[in-house]
PDB file of N, CA and C in Angstrom:
ATOM      1  N   UNK A   1    -128.417  39.215  -6.735  1.00  0.00           N
ATOM      2  CA  UNK A   1    -127.878  39.333  -8.070  1.00  0.00           C
ATOM      3  C   UNK A   1    -126.884  38.186  -8.277  1.00  0.00           C
ATOM      4  N   UNK A   2    -126.829  37.657  -9.456  1.00  0.00           N
ATOM      5  CA  UNK A   2    -125.962  36.534  -9.771  1.00  0.00           C
ATOM      6  C   UNK A   2    -124.644  37.053 -10.334  1.00  0.00           C
ATOM      7  N   UNK A   3    -123.521  36.638  -9.745  1.00  0.00           N
ATOM      8  CA  UNK A   3    -122.195  37.039 -10.212  1.00  0.00           C
ATOM      9  C   UNK A   3    -121.857  36.252 -11.467  1.00  0.00           C
ATOM     10  N   UNK A   4    -121.406  36.925 -12.501  1.00  0.00           N
ATOM     11  CA  UNK A   4    -121.115  36.275 -13.778  1.00  0.00           C
ATOM     12  C   UNK A   4    -119.873  35.392 -13.671  1.00  0.00           C
ATOM     13  N   UNK A   5    -118.831  35.876 -12.992  1.00  0.00           N
ATOM     14  CA  UNK A   5    -117.574  35.137 -12.926  1.00  0.00           C
ATOM     15  C   UNK A   5    -117.677  33.873 -12.081  1.00  0.00           C
ATOM     16  N   UNK A   6    -118.175  33.995 -10.859  1.00  0.00           N
ATOM     17  CA  UNK A   6    -118.195  32.840  -9.956  1.00  0.00           C
ATOM     18  C   UNK A   6    -119.500  32.052 -10.009  1.00  0.00           C
ATOM     19  N   UNK A   7    -120.590  32.673 -10.471  1.00  0.00           N
ATOM     20  CA  UNK A   7    -121.865  31.988 -10.540  1.00  0.00           C
ATOM     21  C   UNK A   7    -122.614  31.945  -9.225  1.00  0.00           C
ATOM     22  N   UNK A   8    -122.103  32.629  -8.189  1.00  0.00           N
ATOM     23  CA  UNK A   8    -122.776  32.624  -6.891  1.00  0.00           C
ATOM     24  C   UNK A   8    -123.653  33.864  -6.737  1.00  0.00           C
ATOM     25  N   UNK A   9    -124.608  33.757  -5.848  1.00  0.00           N
ATOM     26  CA  UNK A   9    -125.538  34.853  -5.594  1.00  0.00           C
ATOM     27  C   UNK A   9    -124.895  35.836  -4.617  1.00  0.00           C
ATOM     28  N   UNK A  10    -124.787  37.120  -5.017  1.00  0.00           N
ATOM     29  CA  UNK A  10    -124.175  38.124  -4.150  1.00  0.00           C
ATOM     30  C   UNK A  10    -125.195  39.206  -3.828  1.00  0.00           C
ATOM     31  N   UNK A  11    -124.981  39.865  -2.688  1.00  0.00           N
ATOM     32  CA  UNK A  11    -125.859  40.950  -2.276  1.00  0.00           C
ATOM     33  C   UNK A  11    -125.397  42.245  -2.947  1.00  0.00           C
ATOM     34  N   UNK A  12    -126.363  43.070  -3.328  1.00  0.00           N
ATOM     35  CA  UNK A  12    -126.073  44.301  -4.055  1.00  0.00           C
ATOM     36  C   UNK A  12    -126.753  45.463  -3.357  1.00  0.00           C
ATOM     37  N   UNK A  13    -126.074  46.609  -3.310  1.00  0.00           N
ATOM     38  CA  UNK A  13    -126.640  47.828  -2.759  1.00  0.00           C
ATOM     39  C   UNK A  13    -127.041  48.732  -3.915  1.00  0.00           C
ATOM     40  N   UNK A  14    -128.298  49.163  -3.922  1.00  0.00           N
ATOM     41  CA  UNK A  14    -128.795  50.090  -4.929  1.00  0.00           C
ATOM     42  C   UNK A  14    -128.831  51.475  -4.300  1.00  0.00           C
ATOM     43  N   UNK A  15    -128.090  52.415  -4.886  1.00  0.00           N
ATOM     44  CA  UNK A  15    -127.992  53.761  -4.332  1.00  0.00           C
ATOM     45  C   UNK A  15    -128.541  54.751  -5.360  1.00  0.00           C
ATOM     46  N   UNK A  16    -129.509  55.576  -4.926  1.00  0.00           N
ATOM     47  CA  UNK A  16    -130.090  56.606  -5.776  1.00  0.00           C
ATOM     48  C   UNK A  16    -129.368  57.913  -5.468  1.00  0.00           C
ATOM     49  N   UNK A  17    -128.818  58.557  -6.513  1.00  0.00           N
ATOM     50  CA  UNK A  17    -127.984  59.731  -6.351  1.00  0.00           C
ATOM     51  C   UNK A  17    -128.495  60.841  -7.257  1.00  0.00           C
ATOM     52  N   UNK A  18    -128.484  62.063  -6.726  1.00  0.00           N
ATOM     53  CA  UNK A  18    -128.811  63.242  -7.515  1.00  0.00           C
ATOM     54  C   UNK A  18    -127.510  64.000  -7.755  1.00  0.00           C
ATOM     55  N   UNK A  19    -127.272  64.393  -9.007  1.00  0.00           N
ATOM     56  CA  UNK A  19    -126.100  65.192  -9.338  1.00  0.00           C
ATOM     57  C   UNK A  19    -126.588  66.596  -9.640  1.00  0.00           C
ATOM     58  N   UNK A  20    -126.169  67.530  -8.801  1.00  0.00           N
ATOM     59  CA  UNK A  20    -126.655  68.898  -8.914  1.00  0.00           C
ATOM     60  C   UNK A  20    -125.474  69.846  -8.706  1.00  0.00           C
ATOM     61  N   UNK A  21    -125.141  70.640  -9.719  1.00  0.00           N
ATOM     62  CA  UNK A  21    -124.043  71.584  -9.608  1.00  0.00           C
ATOM     63  C   UNK A  21    -122.691  70.916  -9.426  1.00  0.00           C
ATOM     64  N   UNK A  22    -122.518  69.746 -10.003  1.00  0.00           N
ATOM     65  CA  UNK A  22    -121.271  69.008  -9.864  1.00  0.00           C
ATOM     66  C   UNK A  22    -121.124  68.283  -8.537  1.00  0.00           C
ATOM     67  N   UNK A  23    -122.134  68.307  -7.693  1.00  0.00           N
ATOM     68  CA  UNK A  23    -122.109  67.643  -6.387  1.00  0.00           C
ATOM     69  C   UNK A  23    -122.995  66.405  -6.435  1.00  0.00           C
ATOM     70  N   UNK A  24    -122.569  65.366  -5.748  1.00  0.00           N
ATOM     71  CA  UNK A  24    -123.362  64.136  -5.640  1.00  0.00           C
ATOM     72  C   UNK A  24    -124.099  64.162  -4.316  1.00  0.00           C
ATOM     73  N   UNK A  25    -125.406  64.011  -4.374  1.00  0.00           N
ATOM     74  CA  UNK A  25    -126.234  64.020  -3.172  1.00  0.00           C
ATOM     75  C   UNK A  25    -126.938  62.673  -3.092  1.00  0.00           C
ATOM     76  N   UNK A  26    -126.638  61.893  -2.029  1.00  0.00           N
ATOM     77  CA  UNK A  26    -127.297  60.595  -1.829  1.00  0.00           C
ATOM     78  C   UNK A  26    -128.737  60.826  -1.397  1.00  0.00           C
ATOM     79  N   UNK A  27    -129.665  60.173  -2.073  1.00  0.00           N
ATOM     80  CA  UNK A  27    -131.079  60.300  -1.753  1.00  0.00           C
ATOM     81  C   UNK A  27    -131.646  59.057  -1.093  1.00  0.00           C
ATOM     82  N   UNK A  28    -131.175  57.863  -1.501  1.00  0.00           N
ATOM     83  CA  UNK A  28    -131.804  56.629  -1.037  1.00  0.00           C
ATOM     84  C   UNK A  28    -130.841  55.461  -1.226  1.00  0.00           C
ATOM     85  N   UNK A  29    -130.805  54.530  -0.268  1.00  0.00           N
ATOM     86  CA  UNK A  29    -129.994  53.311  -0.369  1.00  0.00           C
ATOM     87  C   UNK A  29    -130.831  52.133   0.094  1.00  0.00           C
ATOM     88  N   UNK A  30    -130.748  51.028  -0.637  1.00  0.00           N
ATOM     89  CA  UNK A  30    -131.440  49.810  -0.248  1.00  0.00           C
ATOM     90  C   UNK A  30    -130.805  48.612  -0.950  1.00  0.00           C
ATOM     91  N   UNK A  31    -131.110  47.426  -0.465  1.00  0.00           N
ATOM     92  CA  UNK A  31    -130.642  46.207  -1.119  1.00  0.00           C
ATOM     93  C   UNK A  31    -131.760  45.534  -1.913  1.00  0.00           C
ATOM     94  N   UNK A  32    -132.947  46.118  -1.913  1.00  0.00           N
ATOM     95  CA  UNK A  32    -134.108  45.561  -2.608  1.00  0.00           C
ATOM     96  C   UNK A  32    -134.370  46.359  -3.883  1.00  0.00           C
ATOM     97  N   UNK A  33    -134.318  45.717  -5.039  1.00  0.00           N
ATOM     98  CA  UNK A  33    -134.488  46.399  -6.325  1.00  0.00           C
ATOM     99  C   UNK A  33    -135.910  46.937  -6.484  1.00  0.00           C
ATOM    100  N   UNK A  34    -136.900  46.203  -6.012  1.00  0.00           N
ATOM    101  CA  UNK A  34    -138.286  46.671  -6.150  1.00  0.00           C
ATOM    102  C   UNK A  34    -138.517  47.933  -5.338  1.00  0.00           C
ATOM    103  N   UNK A  35    -137.937  47.990  -4.151  1.00  0.00           N
ATOM    104  CA  UNK A  35    -138.077  49.178  -3.314  1.00  0.00           C
ATOM    105  C   UNK A  35    -137.356  50.377  -3.931  1.00  0.00           C
ATOM    106  N   UNK A  36    -136.197  50.149  -4.543  1.00  0.00           N
ATOM    107  CA  UNK A  36    -135.451  51.223  -5.198  1.00  0.00           C
ATOM    108  C   UNK A  36    -136.232  51.786  -6.387  1.00  0.00           C
ATOM    109  N   UNK A  37    -136.817  50.911  -7.184  1.00  0.00           N
ATOM    110  CA  UNK A  37    -137.593  51.368  -8.345  1.00  0.00           C
ATOM    111  C   UNK A  37    -138.874  52.080  -7.914  1.00  0.00           C
ATOM    112  N   UNK A  38    -139.494  51.609  -6.824  1.00  0.00           N
ATOM    113  CA  UNK A  38    -140.681  52.273  -6.298  1.00  0.00           C
ATOM    114  C   UNK A  38    -140.342  53.682  -5.794  1.00  0.00           C
ATOM    115  N   UNK A  39    -139.193  53.825  -5.121  1.00  0.00           N
ATOM    116  CA  UNK A  39    -138.764  55.136  -4.659  1.00  0.00           C
ATOM    117  C   UNK A  39    -138.489  56.061  -5.837  1.00  0.00           C
ATOM    118  N   UNK A  40    -137.838  55.543  -6.880  1.00  0.00           N
ATOM    119  CA  UNK A  40    -137.534  56.371  -8.055  1.00  0.00           C
ATOM    120  C   UNK A  40    -138.821  56.832  -8.734  1.00  0.00           C
ATOM    121  N   UNK A  41    -139.786  55.944  -8.840  1.00  0.00           N
ATOM    122  CA  UNK A  41    -141.068  56.299  -9.439  1.00  0.00           C
ATOM    123  C   UNK A  41    -141.750  57.412  -8.641  1.00  0.00           C
ATOM    124  N   UNK A  42    -141.751  57.284  -7.308  1.00  0.00           N
ATOM    125  CA  UNK A  42    -142.342  58.306  -6.451  1.00  0.00           C
ATOM    126  C   UNK A  42    -141.592  59.628  -6.583  1.00  0.00           C
ATOM    127  N   UNK A  43    -140.258  59.586  -6.607  1.00  0.00           N
ATOM    128  CA  UNK A  43    -139.440  60.791  -6.667  1.00  0.00           C
ATOM    129  C   UNK A  43    -139.678  61.550  -7.978  1.00  0.00           C
ATOM    130  N   UNK A  44    -139.742  60.822  -9.084  1.00  0.00           N
ATOM    131  CA  UNK A  44    -139.982  61.454 -10.387  1.00  0.00           C
ATOM    132  C   UNK A  44    -141.367  62.086 -10.428  1.00  0.00           C
ATOM    133  N   UNK A  45    -142.350  61.395  -9.879  1.00  0.00           N
ATOM    134  CA  UNK A  45    -143.711  61.932  -9.858  1.00  0.00           C
ATOM    135  C   UNK A  45    -143.794  63.181  -8.991  1.00  0.00           C
ATOM    136  N   UNK A  46    -143.068  63.199  -7.884  1.00  0.00           N
ATOM    137  CA  UNK A  46    -143.130  64.321  -6.942  1.00  0.00           C
ATOM    138  C   UNK A  46    -142.326  65.548  -7.393  1.00  0.00           C
ATOM    139  N   UNK A  47    -141.098  65.327  -7.892  1.00  0.00           N
ATOM    140  CA  UNK A  47    -140.185  66.420  -8.186  1.00  0.00           C
ATOM    141  C   UNK A  47    -139.937  66.651  -9.684  1.00  0.00           C
ATOM    142  N   UNK A  48    -140.482  65.823 -10.563  1.00  0.00           N
ATOM    143  CA  UNK A  48    -140.325  65.936 -12.004  1.00  0.00           C
ATOM    144  C   UNK A  48    -138.857  65.957 -12.448  1.00  0.00           C
ATOM    145  N   UNK A  49    -138.008  65.188 -11.788  1.00  0.00           N
ATOM    146  CA  UNK A  49    -136.617  65.015 -12.205  1.00  0.00           C
ATOM    147  C   UNK A  49    -136.159  63.619 -11.811  1.00  0.00           C
ATOM    148  N   UNK A  50    -135.255  63.069 -12.598  1.00  0.00           N
ATOM    149  CA  UNK A  50    -134.795  61.708 -12.361  1.00  0.00           C
ATOM    150  C   UNK A  50    -133.567  61.657 -11.469  1.00  0.00           C
ATOM    151  N   UNK A  51    -133.227  60.437 -11.066  1.00  0.00           N
ATOM    152  CA  UNK A  51    -132.054  60.185 -10.240  1.00  0.00           C
ATOM    153  C   UNK A  51    -131.173  59.157 -10.937  1.00  0.00           C
ATOM    154  N   UNK A  52    -129.906  59.163 -10.596  1.00  0.00           N
ATOM    155  CA  UNK A  52    -128.958  58.181 -11.086  1.00  0.00           C
ATOM    156  C   UNK A  52    -128.945  57.000 -10.131  1.00  0.00           C
ATOM    157  N   UNK A  53    -129.049  55.783 -10.663  1.00  0.00           N
ATOM    158  CA  UNK A  53    -129.025  54.603  -9.810  1.00  0.00           C
ATOM    159  C   UNK A  53    -127.682  53.905  -9.957  1.00  0.00           C
ATOM    160  N   UNK A  54    -126.976  53.735  -8.843  1.00  0.00           N
ATOM    161  CA  UNK A  54    -125.709  53.017  -8.824  1.00  0.00           C
ATOM    162  C   UNK A  54    -125.943  51.628  -8.252  1.00  0.00           C
ATOM    163  N   UNK A  55    -125.301  50.644  -8.844  1.00  0.00           N
ATOM    164  CA  UNK A  55    -125.393  49.270  -8.368  1.00  0.00           C
ATOM    165  C   UNK A  55    -124.023  48.896  -7.816  1.00  0.00           C
ATOM    166  N   UNK A  56    -123.956  48.662  -6.499  1.00  0.00           N
ATOM    167  CA  UNK A  56    -122.684  48.409  -5.832  1.00  0.00           C
ATOM    168  C   UNK A  56    -122.704  46.999  -5.249  1.00  0.00           C
ATOM    169  N   UNK A  57    -121.870  46.084  -5.767  1.00  0.00           N
ATOM    170  CA  UNK A  57    -121.851  44.725  -5.217  1.00  0.00           C
ATOM    171  C   UNK A  57    -121.101  44.679  -3.883  1.00  0.00           C
ATOM    172  N   UNK A  58    -121.433  43.689  -3.058  1.00  0.00           N
ATOM    173  CA  UNK A  58    -120.731  43.530  -1.786  1.00  0.00           C
ATOM    174  C   UNK A  58    -119.378  42.879  -2.046  1.00  0.00           C
ATOM    175  N   UNK A  59    -118.403  43.272  -1.235  1.00  0.00           N
ATOM    176  CA  UNK A  59    -117.063  42.710  -1.366  1.00  0.00           C
ATOM    177  C   UNK A  59    -116.733  41.919  -0.108  1.00  0.00           C
ATOM    178  N   UNK A  60    -116.030  40.820  -0.314  1.00  0.00           N
ATOM    179  CA  UNK A  60    -115.653  39.944   0.780  1.00  0.00           C
ATOM    180  C   UNK A  60    -114.259  40.340   1.271  1.00  0.00           C
ATOM    181  N   UNK A  61    -114.144  40.589   2.589  1.00  0.00           N
ATOM    182  CA  UNK A  61    -112.852  40.915   3.188  1.00  0.00           C
ATOM    183  C   UNK A  61    -112.550  39.879   4.267  1.00  0.00           C
ATOM    184  N   UNK A  62    -111.354  39.317   4.203  1.00  0.00           N
ATOM    185  CA  UNK A  62    -110.947  38.315   5.185  1.00  0.00           C
ATOM    186  C   UNK A  62    -109.984  38.946   6.168  1.00  0.00           C
ATOM    187  N   UNK A  63    -110.307  38.886   7.452  1.00  0.00           N
ATOM    188  CA  UNK A  63    -109.436  39.372   8.521  1.00  0.00           C
ATOM    189  C   UNK A  63    -108.657  38.175   9.055  1.00  0.00           C
ATOM    190  N   UNK A  64    -107.372  38.104   8.706  1.00  0.00           N
ATOM    191  CA  UNK A  64    -106.579  36.926   9.047  1.00  0.00           C
ATOM    192  C   UNK A  64    -106.251  36.860  10.538  1.00  0.00           C
ATOM    193  N   UNK A  65    -106.256  37.991  11.234  1.00  0.00           N
ATOM    194  CA  UNK A  65    -105.953  37.963  12.676  1.00  0.00           C
ATOM    195  C   UNK A  65    -107.094  37.332  13.463  1.00  0.00           C
ATOM    196  N   UNK A  66    -108.320  37.738  13.153  1.00  0.00           N
ATOM    197  CA  UNK A  66    -109.481  37.208  13.860  1.00  0.00           C
ATOM    198  C   UNK A  66    -110.105  36.017  13.153  1.00  0.00           C
ATOM    199  N   UNK A  67    -109.612  35.715  11.971  1.00  0.00           N
ATOM    200  CA  UNK A  67    -110.087  34.592  11.160  1.00  0.00           C
ATOM    201  C   UNK A  67    -111.591  34.651  10.921  1.00  0.00           C
ATOM    202  N   UNK A  68    -112.034  35.804  10.397  1.00  0.00           N
ATOM    203  CA  UNK A  68    -113.448  35.937  10.057  1.00  0.00           C
ATOM    204  C   UNK A  68    -113.586  36.709   8.751  1.00  0.00           C
ATOM    205  N   UNK A  69    -114.715  36.528   8.127  1.00  0.00           N
ATOM    206  CA  UNK A  69    -115.005  37.163   6.837  1.00  0.00           C
ATOM    207  C   UNK A  69    -116.045  38.248   7.046  1.00  0.00           C
ATOM    208  N   UNK A  70    -115.754  39.434   6.529  1.00  0.00           N
ATOM    209  CA  UNK A  70    -116.685  40.555   6.581  1.00  0.00           C
ATOM    210  C   UNK A  70    -117.118  40.914   5.165  1.00  0.00           C
ATOM    211  N   UNK A  71    -118.380  41.242   5.016  1.00  0.00           N
ATOM    212  CA  UNK A  71    -118.899  41.703   3.733  1.00  0.00           C
ATOM    213  C   UNK A  71    -119.238  43.180   3.857  1.00  0.00           C
ATOM    214  N   UNK A  72    -118.797  43.981   2.883  1.00  0.00           N
ATOM    215  CA  UNK A  72    -119.085  45.408   2.913  1.00  0.00           C
ATOM    216  C   UNK A  72    -119.329  45.916   1.496  1.00  0.00           C
ATOM    217  N   UNK A  73    -119.996  47.047   1.420  1.00  0.00           N
ATOM    218  CA  UNK A  73    -120.252  47.711   0.138  1.00  0.00           C
ATOM    219  C   UNK A  73    -119.253  48.841  -0.013  1.00  0.00           C
ATOM    220  N   UNK A  74    -118.599  48.925  -1.142  1.00  0.00           N
ATOM    221  CA  UNK A  74    -117.640  49.997  -1.371  1.00  0.00           C
ATOM    222  C   UNK A  74    -117.957  50.747  -2.627  1.00  0.00           C
TER     223      UNK A  74
END
């Protein structure tokens, strides 16, 4: 995915979530949009209900003690 502010390509986590009774239930996580959409299509066909898709960008964290950069999804 392309970041609007910096213009660089960033990795994104696509998370499929079911909300049932006020509870969030994680069903599927991937970094590939085609795989996420294929899973959603299969899930709707199988269970006749949709899922919420969250798009979570990776964040860069710098550890100054070890002088390394870690990327994580939050």
